[in-house]
C-alpha atoms as a PDB file:
ATOM      1  CA  MET A   1      17.437  -1.259  18.528  1.00  0.00           C
ATOM      2  CA  SER A   2      19.059  -4.448  19.772  1.00  0.00           C
ATOM      3  CA  GLY A   3      17.799  -7.804  18.631  1.00  0.00           C
ATOM      4  CA  THR A   4      18.078 -10.187  15.720  1.00  0.00           C
ATOM      5  CA  HIS A   5      18.058  -8.792  12.170  1.00  0.00           C
ATOM      6  CA  ILE A   6      17.370 -10.958   9.126  1.00  0.00           C
ATOM      7  CA  ALA A   7      18.207  -9.379   5.787  1.00  0.00           C
ATOM      8  CA  ASP A   8      16.939 -10.515   2.410  1.00  0.00           C
ATOM      9  CA  ASN A   9      19.476  -9.470  -0.187  1.00  0.00           C
ATOM     10  CA  SER A  10      18.147 -11.590  -3.037  1.00  0.00           C
ATOM     11  CA  ALA A  11      17.176  -8.501  -5.067  1.00  0.00           C
ATOM     12  CA  PRO A  12      17.548  -4.729  -4.665  1.00  0.00           C
ATOM     13  CA  ALA A  13      14.443  -2.928  -3.487  1.00  0.00           C
ATOM     14  CA  ARG A  14      12.693  -1.096  -6.284  1.00  0.00           C
ATOM     15  CA  ILE A  15      10.977   2.264  -5.962  1.00  0.00           C
ATOM     16  CA  SER A  16       7.510   1.898  -4.502  1.00  0.00           C
ATOM     17  CA  ARG A  17       4.678   3.233  -6.588  1.00  0.00           C
ATOM     18  CA  ARG A  18       2.883   4.669  -3.626  1.00  0.00           C
ATOM     19  CA  ASN A  19       4.516   5.099  -0.281  1.00  0.00           C
ATOM     20  CA  VAL A  20       8.038   3.829   0.149  1.00  0.00           C
ATOM     21  CA  LEU A  21       8.882   7.190   1.724  1.00  0.00           C
ATOM     22  CA  LYS A  22       6.304   6.622   4.418  1.00  0.00           C
ATOM     23  CA  ILE A  23       7.686   3.154   5.105  1.00  0.00           C
ATOM     24  CA  LEU A  24      11.205   4.508   5.429  1.00  0.00           C
ATOM     25  CA  ALA A  25       9.928   7.108   7.839  1.00  0.00           C
ATOM     26  CA  ALA A  26       8.091   4.504   9.882  1.00  0.00           C
ATOM     27  CA  THR A  27      11.135   2.266   9.987  1.00  0.00           C
ATOM     28  CA  ALA A  28      13.322   5.169  11.066  1.00  0.00           C
ATOM     29  CA  ALA A  29      10.952   6.379  13.751  1.00  0.00           C
ATOM     30  CA  LEU A  30       9.890   3.070  15.257  1.00  0.00           C
ATOM     31  CA  PRO A  31      13.125   1.924  16.916  1.00  0.00           C
ATOM     32  CA  ALA A  32      13.466   5.094  18.998  1.00  0.00           C
ATOM     33  CA  GLY A  33       9.926   4.764  20.289  1.00  0.00           C
ATOM     34  CA  VAL A  34      10.374   1.095  21.075  1.00  0.00           C
ATOM     35  CA  LEU A  35      13.715   1.762  22.777  1.00  0.00           C
ATOM     36  CA  LEU A  36      12.089   4.253  25.128  1.00  0.00           C
ATOM     37  CA  LEU A  37       9.364   1.783  25.997  1.00  0.00           C
ATOM     38  CA  ARG A  38      11.814  -1.031  26.643  1.00  0.00           C
ATOM     39  CA  GLY A  39      13.420   1.123  29.266  1.00  0.00           C
ATOM     40  CA  ARG A  40      10.207   1.081  31.281  1.00  0.00           C
ATOM     41  CA  ALA A  41       9.484  -2.627  31.304  1.00  0.00           C
ATOM     42  CA  ALA A  42      11.361  -5.807  30.586  1.00  0.00           C
ATOM     43  CA  ALA A  43      10.625  -7.075  27.091  1.00  0.00           C
ATOM     44  CA  PRO A  44      12.160  -9.663  24.793  1.00  0.00           C
ATOM     45  CA  ALA A  45      14.540  -8.373  22.152  1.00  0.00           C
ATOM     46  CA  PRO A  46      12.861  -7.913  18.777  1.00  0.00           C
ATOM     47  CA  VAL A  47      13.596 -10.188  15.841  1.00  0.00           C
ATOM     48  CA  GLN A  48      13.503  -8.352  12.513  1.00  0.00           C
ATOM     49  CA  TRP A  49      13.475  -9.155   8.807  1.00  0.00           C
ATOM     50  CA  HIS A  50      14.063  -6.572   6.059  1.00  0.00           C
ATOM     51  CA  GLY A  51      13.308  -7.183   2.391  1.00  0.00           C
ATOM     52  CA  GLU A  52      10.739  -6.047  -0.158  1.00  0.00           C
ATOM     53  CA  THR A  53       7.139  -6.754  -1.092  1.00  0.00           C
ATOM     54  CA  LEU A  54       5.565  -5.735  -4.409  1.00  0.00           C
ATOM     55  CA  GLY A  55       8.523  -3.452  -5.083  1.00  0.00           C
ATOM     56  CA  ALA A  56       8.330  -1.629  -1.740  1.00  0.00           C
ATOM     57  CA  ARG A  57      10.737  -1.860   1.168  1.00  0.00           C
ATOM     58  CA  ALA A  58       9.319  -4.242   3.743  1.00  0.00           C
ATOM     59  CA  SER A  59      10.027  -5.427   7.267  1.00  0.00           C
ATOM     60  CA  LEU A  60       8.677  -7.624  10.023  1.00  0.00           C
ATOM     61  CA  THR A  61       9.431  -6.979  13.689  1.00  0.00           C
ATOM     62  CA  LEU A  62       8.368  -9.686  16.144  1.00  0.00           C
ATOM     63  CA  TRP A  63       8.611  -9.883  19.912  1.00  0.00           C
ATOM     64  CA  HIS A  64       8.632 -13.343  21.494  1.00  0.00           C
ATOM     65  CA  SER A  65      10.150 -14.829  24.619  1.00  0.00           C
ATOM     66  CA  ASP A  66      11.953 -17.385  22.413  1.00  0.00           C
ATOM     67  CA  PRO A  67      13.911 -15.709  19.551  1.00  0.00           C
ATOM     68  CA  GLY A  68      14.137 -19.065  17.783  1.00  0.00           C
ATOM     69  CA  VAL A  69      10.369 -19.234  17.527  1.00  0.00           C
ATOM     70  CA  ALA A  70      10.319 -15.726  16.075  1.00  0.00           C
ATOM     71  CA  ARG A  71      12.998 -16.560  13.500  1.00  0.00           C
ATOM     72  CA  ARG A  72      11.222 -19.733  12.379  1.00  0.00           C
ATOM     73  CA  THR A  73       7.940 -17.831  12.159  1.00  0.00           C
ATOM     74  CA  ILE A  74       9.518 -15.155   9.989  1.00  0.00           C
ATOM     75  CA  ALA A  75      10.774 -17.874   7.638  1.00  0.00           C
ATOM     76  CA  ARG A  76       7.206 -19.169   7.266  1.00  0.00           C
ATOM     77  CA  MET A  77       5.872 -15.644   6.755  1.00  0.00           C
ATOM     78  CA  ARG A  78       8.434 -15.057   4.001  1.00  0.00           C
ATOM     79  CA  THR A  79       7.179 -18.180   2.248  1.00  0.00           C
ATOM     80  CA  GLU A  80       3.635 -16.820   2.370  1.00  0.00           C
ATOM     81  CA  ILE A  81       4.778 -13.404   1.129  1.00  0.00           C
ATOM     82  CA  GLU A  82       6.487 -15.109  -1.805  1.00  0.00           C
ATOM     83  CA  ARG A  83       3.284 -17.006  -2.599  1.00  0.00           C
ATOM     84  CA  LEU A  84       1.292 -13.773  -2.625  1.00  0.00           C
ATOM     85  CA  GLU A  85       3.909 -12.090  -4.816  1.00  0.00           C
ATOM     86  CA  GLY A  86       3.049 -14.825  -7.295  1.00  0.00           C
ATOM     87  CA  VAL A  87      -0.512 -13.514  -7.324  1.00  0.00           C
ATOM     88  CA  PHE A  88      -0.147  -9.729  -7.249  1.00  0.00           C
ATOM     89  CA  SER A  89       3.324  -8.694  -8.448  1.00  0.00           C
ATOM     90  CA  LEU A  90       3.540  -6.646 -11.636  1.00  0.00           C
ATOM     91  CA  TYR A  91       7.304  -7.245 -11.585  1.00  0.00           C
ATOM     92  CA  ARG A  92       6.919 -10.990 -12.100  1.00  0.00           C
ATOM     93  CA  SER A  93       5.910 -12.146 -15.566  1.00  0.00           C
ATOM     94  CA  ASP A  94       4.516 -15.397 -14.153  1.00  0.00           C
ATOM     95  CA  SER A  95       2.230 -13.812 -11.543  1.00  0.00           C
ATOM     96  CA  GLU A  96      -1.529 -14.090 -11.864  1.00  0.00           C
ATOM     97  CA  ILE A  97      -1.984 -10.375 -12.439  1.00  0.00           C
ATOM     98  CA  SER A  98       0.744 -10.282 -15.109  1.00  0.00           C
ATOM     99  CA  ARG A  99      -0.822 -13.218 -16.958  1.00  0.00           C
ATOM    100  CA  LEU A 100      -4.240 -11.576 -16.722  1.00  0.00           C
ATOM    101  CA  ASN A 101      -2.909  -8.311 -18.137  1.00  0.00           C
ATOM    102  CA  ARG A 102      -0.984 -10.079 -20.885  1.00  0.00           C
ATOM    103  CA  ASN A 103      -3.799 -12.366 -22.034  1.00  0.00           C
ATOM    104  CA  GLY A 104      -6.897 -10.375 -21.122  1.00  0.00           C
ATOM    105  CA  ALA A 105      -8.239 -13.363 -19.193  1.00  0.00           C
ATOM    106  CA  LEU A 106      -7.186 -15.691 -16.388  1.00  0.00           C
ATOM    107  CA  PRO A 107      -8.735 -19.139 -15.856  1.00  0.00           C
ATOM    108  CA  ARG A 108      -9.121 -20.510 -12.332  1.00  0.00           C
ATOM    109  CA  PRO A 109      -7.943 -17.424 -10.405  1.00  0.00           C
ATOM    110  CA  SER A 110      -6.869 -17.785  -6.803  1.00  0.00           C
ATOM    111  CA  GLY A 111      -9.155 -16.886  -3.947  1.00  0.00           C
ATOM    112  CA  ASP A 112      -6.681 -14.155  -2.991  1.00  0.00           C
ATOM    113  CA  LEU A 113      -7.047 -12.401  -6.329  1.00  0.00           C
ATOM    114  CA  LEU A 114     -10.836 -12.693  -6.316  1.00  0.00           C
ATOM    115  CA  THR A 115     -11.042 -11.325  -2.768  1.00  0.00           C
ATOM    116  CA  VAL A 116      -8.946  -8.270  -3.626  1.00  0.00           C
ATOM    117  CA  LEU A 117     -10.843  -7.634  -6.854  1.00  0.00           C
ATOM    118  CA  ASP A 118     -14.152  -7.829  -4.976  1.00  0.00           C
ATOM    119  CA  GLU A 119     -12.931  -5.299  -2.410  1.00  0.00           C
ATOM    120  CA  SER A 120     -11.538  -3.120  -5.201  1.00  0.00           C
ATOM    121  CA  ARG A 121     -14.963  -3.011  -6.844  1.00  0.00           C
ATOM    122  CA  ARG A 122     -16.650  -2.049  -3.583  1.00  0.00           C
ATOM    123  CA  ILE A 123     -14.251   0.821  -2.887  1.00  0.00           C
ATOM    124  CA  ALA A 124     -14.475   1.940  -6.503  1.00  0.00           C
ATOM    125  CA  GLU A 125     -18.248   2.154  -6.162  1.00  0.00           C
ATOM    126  CA  VAL A 126     -18.100   3.898  -2.780  1.00  0.00           C
ATOM    127  CA  SER A 127     -15.616   6.447  -4.112  1.00  0.00           C
ATOM    128  CA  GLY A 128     -17.495   7.091  -7.345  1.00  0.00           C
ATOM    129  CA  GLY A 129     -14.612   5.685  -9.357  1.00  0.00           C
ATOM    130  CA  ALA A 130     -11.850   7.691  -7.667  1.00  0.00           C
ATOM    131  CA  PHE A 131     -10.290   4.341  -6.791  1.00  0.00           C
ATOM    132  CA  ASP A 132     -10.028   2.223  -9.922  1.00  0.00           C
ATOM    133  CA  PRO A 133      -7.728  -0.800 -10.383  1.00  0.00           C
ATOM    134  CA  THR A 134      -7.855  -0.458 -14.184  1.00  0.00           C
ATOM    135  CA  VAL A 135      -5.555   2.609 -14.317  1.00  0.00           C
ATOM    136  CA  GLN A 136      -2.587   0.498 -15.439  1.00  0.00           C
ATOM    137  CA  PRO A 137      -2.878   1.742 -19.078  1.00  0.00           C
ATOM    138  CA  LEU A 138      -2.414   5.301 -17.755  1.00  0.00           C
ATOM    139  CA  TRP A 139       0.734   4.204 -15.939  1.00  0.00           C
ATOM    140  CA  ASN A 140       2.018   2.661 -19.161  1.00  0.00           C
ATOM    141  CA  VAL A 141       1.416   5.883 -21.101  1.00  0.00           C
ATOM    142  CA  TYR A 142       3.223   8.065 -18.568  1.00  0.00           C
ATOM    143  CA  ALA A 143       6.077   5.614 -18.103  1.00  0.00           C
ATOM    144  CA  GLY A 144       6.616   5.572 -21.869  1.00  0.00           C
ATOM    145  CA  ALA A 145       6.255   9.297 -22.455  1.00  0.00           C
ATOM    146  CA  GLY A 146       9.777  10.187 -21.318  1.00  0.00           C
ATOM    147  CA  ALA A 147      10.700  13.873 -21.235  1.00  0.00           C
ATOM    148  CA  ALA A 148       7.369  14.858 -22.788  1.00  0.00           C
ATOM    149  CA  VAL A 149       5.721  14.431 -19.379  1.00  0.00           C
ATOM    150  CA  ALA A 150       7.518  17.491 -18.025  1.00  0.00           C
ATOM    151  CA  THR A 151       6.783  19.599 -21.120  1.00  0.00           C
ATOM    152  CA  GLY A 152       3.035  19.309 -21.505  1.00  0.00           C
ATOM    153  CA  GLY A 153       2.289  15.689 -20.764  1.00  0.00           C
ATOM    154  CA  PRO A 154       1.708  12.612 -22.940  1.00  0.00           C
ATOM    155  CA  ASP A 155       0.224  12.841 -26.415  1.00  0.00           C
ATOM    156  CA  PRO A 156      -3.484  13.750 -25.895  1.00  0.00           C
ATOM    157  CA  ALA A 157      -4.719  11.116 -28.337  1.00  0.00           C
ATOM    158  CA  ILE A 158      -2.715   8.346 -26.647  1.00  0.00           C
ATOM    159  CA  LEU A 159      -3.879   9.532 -23.240  1.00  0.00           C
ATOM    160  CA  ALA A 160      -7.508   9.498 -24.405  1.00  0.00           C
ATOM    161  CA  GLU A 161      -7.129   5.894 -25.556  1.00  0.00           C
ATOM    162  CA  ALA A 162      -5.766   4.897 -22.146  1.00  0.00           C
ATOM    163  CA  ARG A 163      -8.577   6.714 -20.359  1.00  0.00           C
ATOM    164  CA  ALA A 164     -11.125   4.783 -22.422  1.00  0.00           C
ATOM    165  CA  LEU A 165      -9.638   1.553 -21.041  1.00  0.00           C
ATOM    166  CA  THR A 166      -9.967   2.726 -17.432  1.00  0.00           C
ATOM    167  CA  ASP A 167     -13.268   1.214 -16.312  1.00  0.00           C
ATOM    168  CA  PHE A 168     -13.581  -1.003 -13.244  1.00  0.00           C
ATOM    169  CA  THR A 169     -17.085  -2.072 -14.300  1.00  0.00           C
ATOM    170  CA  ALA A 170     -15.568  -3.860 -17.324  1.00  0.00           C
ATOM    171  CA  ILE A 171     -13.930  -6.558 -15.153  1.00  0.00           C
ATOM    172  CA  ASP A 172     -15.811  -9.867 -15.090  1.00  0.00           C
ATOM    173  CA  ALA A 173     -14.492 -11.876 -12.147  1.00  0.00           C
ATOM    174  CA  GLY A 174     -15.642 -15.274 -10.916  1.00  0.00           C
ATOM    175  CA  PRO A 175     -14.205 -18.557  -9.627  1.00  0.00           C
ATOM    176  CA  ARG A 176     -13.932 -20.010 -13.126  1.00  0.00           C
ATOM    177  CA  ALA A 177     -12.197 -17.049 -14.770  1.00  0.00           C
ATOM    178  CA  ILE A 178     -11.438 -13.339 -14.754  1.00  0.00           C
ATOM    179  CA  GLY A 179     -11.808 -11.445 -18.002  1.00  0.00           C
ATOM    180  CA  PHE A 180     -11.730  -7.899 -19.335  1.00  0.00           C
ATOM    181  CA  GLY A 181     -14.596  -6.394 -21.250  1.00  0.00           C
ATOM    182  CA  LYS A 182     -12.279  -4.282 -23.407  1.00  0.00           C
ATOM    183  CA  ALA A 183      -9.223  -5.259 -25.409  1.00  0.00           C
ATOM    184  CA  ARG A 184      -5.901  -3.944 -24.050  1.00  0.00           C
ATOM    185  CA  MET A 185      -7.258  -3.303 -20.563  1.00  0.00           C
ATOM    186  CA  ALA A 186      -4.893  -3.939 -17.665  1.00  0.00           C
ATOM    187  CA  ILE A 187      -5.064  -3.680 -13.898  1.00  0.00           C
ATOM    188  CA  THR A 188      -2.790  -2.768 -11.042  1.00  0.00           C
ATOM    189  CA  LEU A 189      -3.632  -3.770  -7.486  1.00  0.00           C
ATOM    190  CA  ASN A 190      -0.700  -1.967  -5.887  1.00  0.00           C
ATOM    191  CA  GLY A 191      -3.213   0.417  -4.306  1.00  0.00           C
ATOM    192  CA  ILE A 192      -4.818  -2.393  -2.306  1.00  0.00           C
ATOM    193  CA  ALA A 193      -2.829  -5.653  -2.549  1.00  0.00           C
ATOM    194  CA  GLN A 194      -0.066  -4.433  -0.253  1.00  0.00           C
ATOM    195  CA  GLY A 195      -2.728  -3.905   2.382  1.00  0.00           C
ATOM    196  CA  TYR A 196      -4.139  -7.369   1.743  1.00  0.00           C
ATOM    197  CA  ILE A 197      -0.707  -8.974   2.164  1.00  0.00           C
ATOM    198  CA  THR A 198      -0.101  -6.948   5.323  1.00  0.00           C
ATOM    199  CA  ASP A 199      -3.392  -8.187   6.783  1.00  0.00           C
ATOM    200  CA  ARG A 200      -2.719 -11.790   5.753  1.00  0.00           C
ATOM    201  CA  ILE A 201       0.632 -11.869   7.534  1.00  0.00           C
ATOM    202  CA  THR A 202      -0.709 -10.068  10.615  1.00  0.00           C
ATOM    203  CA  ASP A 203      -3.604 -12.514  10.887  1.00  0.00           C
ATOM    204  CA  LEU A 204      -1.243 -15.486  10.583  1.00  0.00           C
ATOM    205  CA  LEU A 205       0.999 -14.070  13.318  1.00  0.00           C
ATOM    206  CA  ARG A 206      -1.995 -13.617  15.608  1.00  0.00           C
ATOM    207  CA  ASN A 207      -3.109 -17.186  14.907  1.00  0.00           C
ATOM    208  CA  GLU A 208       0.367 -18.398  15.845  1.00  0.00           C
ATOM    209  CA  GLY A 209       0.093 -16.758  19.247  1.00  0.00           C
ATOM    210  CA  PHE A 210       2.039 -13.544  18.713  1.00  0.00           C
ATOM    211  CA  GLU A 211       0.716 -10.608  20.694  1.00  0.00           C
ATOM    212  CA  GLN A 212       3.177  -7.916  19.586  1.00  0.00           C
ATOM    213  CA  ALA A 213       4.438  -7.287  16.057  1.00  0.00           C
ATOM    214  CA  MET A 214       4.956  -4.493  13.562  1.00  0.00           C
ATOM    215  CA  VAL A 215       4.187  -5.588  10.005  1.00  0.00           C
ATOM    216  CA  GLU A 216       5.362  -3.269   7.209  1.00  0.00           C
ATOM    217  CA  LEU A 217       4.728  -4.872   3.834  1.00  0.00           C
ATOM    218  CA  GLY A 218       4.047  -1.834   1.701  1.00  0.00           C
ATOM    219  CA  GLU A 219       1.494  -0.805   4.325  1.00  0.00           C
ATOM    220  CA  THR A 220       1.892  -0.735   8.098  1.00  0.00           C
ATOM    221  CA  ARG A 221      -0.108  -2.700  10.654  1.00  0.00           C
ATOM    222  CA  ALA A 222       0.506  -3.040  14.354  1.00  0.00           C
ATOM    223  CA  LEU A 223      -0.355  -6.292  16.104  1.00  0.00           C
ATOM    224  CA  GLY A 224      -1.103  -5.332  19.679  1.00  0.00           C
ATOM    225  CA  ALA A 225       0.834  -2.519  21.330  1.00  0.00           C
ATOM    226  CA  ALA A 226       4.544  -1.851  21.686  1.00  0.00           C
ATOM    227  CA  PRO A 227       6.546  -3.402  24.531  1.00  0.00           C
ATOM    228  CA  GLY A 228       5.561  -1.540  27.685  1.00  0.00           C
ATOM    229  CA  GLY A 229       1.914  -1.361  26.668  1.00  0.00           C
ATOM    230  CA  GLN A 230       1.952   1.968  24.831  1.00  0.00           C
ATOM    231  CA  PRO A 231       0.936   2.317  21.168  1.00  0.00           C
ATOM    232  CA  PHE A 232       3.587   2.116  18.480  1.00  0.00           C
ATOM    233  CA  ASN A 233       4.800   5.512  17.301  1.00  0.00           C
ATOM    234  CA  VAL A 234       5.098   5.687  13.492  1.00  0.00           C
ATOM    235  CA  GLY A 235       6.726   8.672  11.793  1.00  0.00           C
ATOM    236  CA  LEU A 236       5.341  10.297   8.645  1.00  0.00           C
ATOM    237  CA  MET A 237       7.141  12.247   5.948  1.00  0.00           C
ATOM    238  CA  ASN A 238       6.474  15.922   5.335  1.00  0.00           C
ATOM    239  CA  PRO A 239       4.832  15.755   1.883  1.00  0.00           C
ATOM    240  CA  ALA A 240       6.234  19.158   0.938  1.00  0.00           C
ATOM    241  CA  ALA A 241       9.756  18.118   1.927  1.00  0.00           C
ATOM    242  CA  PRO A 242      10.131  14.345   1.474  1.00  0.00           C
ATOM    243  CA  GLY A 243      12.978  13.043   3.592  1.00  0.00           C
ATOM    244  CA  ILE A 244      11.911  15.005   6.684  1.00  0.00           C
ATOM    245  CA  VAL A 245       9.895  13.165   9.329  1.00  0.00           C
ATOM    246  CA  ASP A 246       7.796  15.804  11.063  1.00  0.00           C
ATOM    247  CA  ARG A 247       4.622  14.001  12.130  1.00  0.00           C
ATOM    248  CA  ALA A 248       3.722  10.849  13.995  1.00  0.00           C
ATOM    249  CA  VAL A 249       0.767   8.498  14.242  1.00  0.00           C
ATOM    250  CA  THR A 250       0.174   6.088  17.124  1.00  0.00           C
ATOM    251  CA  LEU A 251      -1.022   2.578  16.298  1.00  0.00           C
ATOM    252  CA  ALA A 252      -2.274  -0.265  18.474  1.00  0.00           C
ATOM    253  CA  ASP A 253      -4.034  -3.101  16.656  1.00  0.00           C
ATOM    254  CA  GLU A 254      -4.526  -0.750  13.701  1.00  0.00           C
ATOM    255  CA  ALA A 255      -3.222  -0.221  10.176  1.00  0.00           C
ATOM    256  CA  LEU A 256      -1.821   2.857   8.468  1.00  0.00           C
ATOM    257  CA  SER A 257      -1.520   3.802   4.804  1.00  0.00           C
ATOM    258  CA  VAL A 258      -0.233   7.043   3.286  1.00  0.00           C
ATOM    259  CA  SER A 259      -0.798   8.149  -0.310  1.00  0.00           C
ATOM    260  CA  GLY A 260       1.074  11.076  -1.800  1.00  0.00           C
ATOM    261  CA  GLY A 261       2.425  12.134  -5.135  1.00  0.00           C
ATOM    262  CA  TYR A 262       6.019  12.244  -3.896  1.00  0.00           C
ATOM    263  CA  GLY A 263       6.487   8.474  -3.998  1.00  0.00           C
ATOM    264  CA  MET A 264       7.133   8.213  -7.748  1.00  0.00           C
ATOM    265  CA  ARG A 265       7.298  11.168 -10.132  1.00  0.00           C
ATOM    266  CA  PHE A 266       7.402  11.208 -13.920  1.00  0.00           C
ATOM    267  CA  GLY A 267       8.255  14.897 -14.237  1.00  0.00           C
ATOM    268  CA  GLY A 268       6.509  18.216 -13.692  1.00  0.00           C
ATOM    269  CA  ASP A 269       3.383  17.621 -11.616  1.00  0.00           C
ATOM    270  CA  ALA A 270       2.905  14.079 -12.966  1.00  0.00           C
ATOM    271  CA  HIS A 271       3.151  11.208 -10.515  1.00  0.00           C
ATOM    272  CA  HIS A 272       1.940   7.661 -10.039  1.00  0.00           C
ATOM    273  CA  ILE A 273      -1.533   8.226  -8.539  1.00  0.00           C
ATOM    274  CA  PHE A 274      -3.950   8.875 -11.395  1.00  0.00           C
ATOM    275  CA  ASP A 275      -7.408  10.410 -11.452  1.00  0.00           C
ATOM    276  CA  PRO A 276      -9.483   8.118 -13.698  1.00  0.00           C
ATOM    277  CA  ALA A 277     -11.805  11.034 -14.510  1.00  0.00           C
ATOM    278  CA  THR A 278      -9.045  13.051 -16.182  1.00  0.00           C
ATOM    279  CA  GLY A 279      -6.315  10.542 -16.984  1.00  0.00           C
ATOM    280  CA  ARG A 280      -3.846  12.830 -15.252  1.00  0.00           C
ATOM    281  CA  SER A 281      -2.169  12.703 -11.863  1.00  0.00           C
ATOM    282  CA  ALA A 282      -4.348  13.686  -8.912  1.00  0.00           C
ATOM    283  CA  ASN A 283      -3.112  16.897  -7.299  1.00  0.00           C
ATOM    284  CA  ARG A 284      -5.976  18.109  -5.128  1.00  0.00           C
ATOM    285  CA  LEU A 285      -4.031  17.201  -1.966  1.00  0.00           C
ATOM    286  CA  LEU A 286      -0.394  16.761  -0.931  1.00  0.00           C
ATOM    287  CA  ASP A 287      -1.036  13.531   0.930  1.00  0.00           C
ATOM    288  CA  VAL A 288      -3.585  11.455   2.815  1.00  0.00           C
ATOM    289  CA  ALA A 289      -2.913   9.182   5.782  1.00  0.00           C
ATOM    290  CA  VAL A 290      -5.641   6.719   6.736  1.00  0.00           C
ATOM    291  CA  VAL A 291      -5.806   4.668   9.931  1.00  0.00           C
ATOM    292  CA  ALA A 292      -8.217   1.726   9.912  1.00  0.00           C
ATOM    293  CA  PRO A 293      -8.608  -1.654  11.626  1.00  0.00           C
ATOM    294  CA  ARG A 294      -7.428  -3.480   8.484  1.00  0.00           C
ATOM    295  CA  ALA A 295      -4.645  -2.553   6.103  1.00  0.00           C
ATOM    296  CA  ILE A 296      -6.578  -3.459   2.945  1.00  0.00           C
ATOM    297  CA  HIS A 297      -9.075  -0.722   3.745  1.00  0.00           C
ATOM    298  CA  ALA A 298      -6.478   1.839   4.853  1.00  0.00           C
ATOM    299  CA  ASP A 299      -4.560   1.149   1.635  1.00  0.00           C
ATOM    300  CA  ALA A 300      -7.434   1.660  -0.792  1.00  0.00           C
ATOM    301  CA  LEU A 301      -9.076   4.480   1.173  1.00  0.00           C
ATOM    302  CA  SER A 302      -5.925   6.598   1.235  1.00  0.00           C
ATOM    303  CA  THR A 303      -5.735   6.348  -2.556  1.00  0.00           C
ATOM    304  CA  ALA A 304      -9.450   7.010  -3.042  1.00  0.00           C
ATOM    305  CA  ILE A 305      -9.433  10.111  -0.843  1.00  0.00           C
ATOM    306  CA  PHE A 306      -6.209  11.419  -2.367  1.00  0.00           C
ATOM    307  CA  VAL A 307      -7.846  11.257  -5.798  1.00  0.00           C
ATOM    308  CA  ALA A 308     -11.364  12.355  -4.784  1.00  0.00           C
ATOM    309  CA  GLY A 309     -10.304  15.269  -2.588  1.00  0.00           C
ATOM    310  CA  GLU A 310     -11.343  16.651   0.775  1.00  0.00           C
ATOM    311  CA  GLN A 311     -14.973  17.421  -0.085  1.00  0.00           C
ATOM    312  CA  ARG A 312     -15.749  13.773  -0.787  1.00  0.00           C
ATOM    313  CA  ALA A 313     -13.551  12.286   1.931  1.00  0.00           C
ATOM    314  CA  SER A 314     -16.159  12.106   4.700  1.00  0.00           C
ATOM    315  CA  ASP A 315     -18.655  10.273   2.503  1.00  0.00           C
ATOM    316  CA  ILE A 316     -16.001   7.731   1.504  1.00  0.00           C
ATOM    317  CA  LEU A 317     -14.903   7.180   5.110  1.00  0.00           C
ATOM    318  CA  ARG A 318     -18.495   6.744   6.261  1.00  0.00           C
ATOM    319  CA  ALA A 319     -18.629   3.423   4.415  1.00  0.00           C
ATOM    320  CA  TYR A 320     -15.692   2.076   6.470  1.00  0.00           C
ATOM    321  CA  PRO A 321     -16.133   2.948  10.158  1.00  0.00           C
ATOM    322  CA  PRO A 322     -14.085   3.539  12.259  1.00  0.00           C
ATOM    323  CA  ALA A 323     -11.462   4.532   9.664  1.00  0.00           C
ATOM    324  CA  ARG A 324     -10.111   8.062   9.983  1.00  0.00           C
ATOM    325  CA  ALA A 325      -8.034  10.223   7.665  1.00  0.00           C
ATOM    326  CA  MET A 326      -5.467  12.969   8.065  1.00  0.00           C
ATOM    327  CA  ILE A 327      -5.142  15.106   4.952  1.00  0.00           C
ATOM    328  CA  THR A 328      -2.541  17.652   3.919  1.00  0.00           C
ATOM    329  CA  ARG A 329      -3.927  20.305   1.612  1.00  0.00           C
ATOM    330  CA  SER A 330      -2.015  21.849  -1.281  1.00  0.00           C
ATOM    331  CA  ASP A 331      -1.298  24.951   0.845  1.00  0.00           C
ATOM    332  CA  GLY A 332       0.284  22.798   3.579  1.00  0.00           C
ATOM    333  CA  SER A 333      -2.598  23.075   6.054  1.00  0.00           C
ATOM    334  CA  THR A 334      -3.970  19.861   7.553  1.00  0.00           C
ATOM    335  CA  ALA A 335      -7.268  18.397   8.693  1.00  0.00           C
ATOM    336  CA  THR A 336      -8.377  15.221  10.467  1.00  0.00           C
ATOM    337  CA  LEU A 337     -11.595  13.573   9.327  1.00  0.00           C
END
């Protein structure tokens, strides 16, 4: 796709915990769809930035009649992304979430962190705990277990200790401070914060007058439709054969999130999406794709449904109309809810 490309080579992209494969698929599939649409109607050349957000590959694609305006806007958006990394990144020792996990408390938290924690609690309640931001101790156990993961899993006693720390109701969050009700608790917001950042940047672009943009910051959200007026066409990986794009979702003023166990594996059937009820990786489904008006909801709902399973999916979705889900069962069959 012709246009301006802005690369951020300040640090190599790390493996996403959740859905870098989906983002790669979307990035690969989008240009072809846009190219076809540009052949039908005159449209400005896109201006693109590629980098990373919360450890996932990220990109912004803007269409504007003045490429200079688009480039300057991307620079401002990158500044905002960097600010939000300082709130949510587990890779930065100075971020708010890292300081909270390290100290067990955080005075004067930002409004961003409180907003995401509030939404996390709501989705945790709606999903009966299938979505739980306090699974970070489980991640730590699996990441430290080494080869034992593939030969029976982590030590049962250590795993039981981590499970006892997984409890979203033990977070006390308010404007003055956030604290944990149990020693050694820790949180990860990678199952929802990427969606929040995606929404924040999309909303800022809309406020600045942009009518067409594709925002991929760990989750995907389309601002408006593609040039030519048709929806954006976003490719999805085959969860049974990661690396093959065999499905597509159309987006226009909507967000997409995909959760699957192929994004980060520890060995055997262990991966990065944990079931708080068992302390082990969720394997009821191969993947879940959720389309919703806002990325924060698509992000958390895809995780919640992946963990909870198909039988509970409709009840979870009912709390967030008009969100819809496409699930891939363990036998490879699919369903749309």
